[in-house]
Protein backbone atom coordinates (compact mmCIF):
# COMPACT_ATOMS: atom_id res chain seq x y z
CA MET A 1 0.04 -0.02 0.03
CA THR A 2 1.46 3.35 -1.01
CA ALA A 3 1.34 6.47 1.12
CA GLN A 4 -0.82 8.19 -1.52
CA SER A 5 -3.50 5.44 -1.23
CA GLN A 6 -3.73 6.03 2.55
CA ILE A 7 -4.82 9.74 2.14
CA TYR A 8 -8.61 10.10 2.76
CA SER A 9 -10.83 12.80 1.38
CA GLY A 10 -10.42 15.89 3.55
CA ALA A 11 -7.10 14.82 5.04
CA PHE A 12 -3.83 16.65 4.96
CA ALA A 13 -2.04 16.81 1.62
CA ASP A 14 1.32 16.30 3.34
CA PRO A 15 0.35 14.27 6.57
CA VAL A 16 3.69 14.23 8.35
CA PHE A 17 4.64 17.90 8.11
CA GLU A 18 1.14 19.33 8.46
CA ALA A 19 0.39 17.16 11.53
CA GLN A 20 3.72 18.29 13.02
CA SER A 21 2.82 21.91 12.41
CA VAL A 22 -0.62 21.55 14.02
CA PHE A 23 0.88 19.65 16.98
CA ARG A 24 3.45 22.44 17.56
CA SER A 25 0.69 25.06 17.52
CA LEU A 26 -1.41 23.05 19.91
CA MET A 27 1.44 22.63 22.38
CA ASP A 28 2.26 26.29 22.13
CA CYS A 29 -1.33 27.26 22.90
CA PHE A 30 -1.61 24.67 25.74
CA ALA A 31 1.57 26.16 27.28
CA ARG A 32 0.16 29.67 27.07
CA PRO A 33 -3.61 29.61 28.02
CA GLY A 34 -5.57 32.55 26.62
CA ILE A 35 -3.36 32.80 23.47
CA ILE A 36 -5.27 32.31 20.19
CA GLY A 37 -3.28 30.12 17.82
CA ARG A 38 -3.56 30.00 14.06
CA LEU A 39 -3.26 26.87 11.92
CA SER A 40 -1.63 27.24 8.61
CA THR A 41 -2.78 23.80 7.28
CA VAL A 42 -5.75 23.00 5.18
CA ALA A 43 -8.08 20.16 6.01
CA ALA A 44 -11.64 19.69 4.76
CA PRO A 45 -13.20 17.31 7.25
CA PRO A 46 -16.78 15.98 7.04
CA ALA A 47 -19.54 18.08 8.66
CA PRO A 48 -20.07 19.08 11.40
CA LEU A 49 -16.28 19.47 11.98
CA GLY A 50 -14.78 22.67 11.00
CA GLU A 51 -11.29 23.15 9.41
CA ALA A 52 -9.53 23.72 12.78
CA SER A 53 -11.28 20.92 14.71
CA GLY A 54 -10.66 18.61 11.74
CA ALA A 55 -6.99 19.48 11.66
CA VAL A 56 -6.75 18.80 15.45
CA ALA A 57 -8.53 15.43 15.04
CA LEU A 58 -6.22 14.45 12.12
CA THR A 59 -3.25 15.32 14.31
CA LEU A 60 -4.18 13.65 17.56
CA CYS A 61 -6.30 10.65 16.40
CA ASP A 62 -4.62 7.76 14.73
CA HIS A 63 -5.10 4.01 14.31
CA ASP A 64 -3.74 3.56 17.90
CA THR A 65 -6.15 6.14 19.39
CA PRO A 66 -9.71 5.03 20.15
CA VAL A 67 -12.21 7.76 19.20
CA TRP A 68 -15.85 7.86 20.29
CA LEU A 69 -18.22 9.29 17.70
CA SER A 70 -21.77 10.45 18.59
CA PRO A 71 -24.46 8.67 16.52
CA ALA A 72 -25.05 11.79 14.47
CA LEU A 73 -21.37 12.25 13.59
CA SER A 74 -20.75 8.57 12.86
CA LYS A 75 -23.45 8.76 10.18
CA SER A 76 -22.00 11.75 8.41
CA SER A 77 -22.07 11.82 4.59
CA ALA A 78 -18.29 11.34 4.30
CA PRO A 79 -17.25 8.86 1.56
């Protein structure tokens, strides 16, 4: 399986570097509560997630991380 075939619709175009960038931004904001961070990556997750929450989910959730989805979200129209 190639790396290209593992990219899902709405995911990062360059998963390694974009996830690292989001993670650095998250850690910086967690270390400085009250600071508003900006994400420079582009993600188009399925509704109802927005771009920022989708980028955070792509960064922190992987095949080793269990994720609970509400019934409404688990039935989203994502392909």
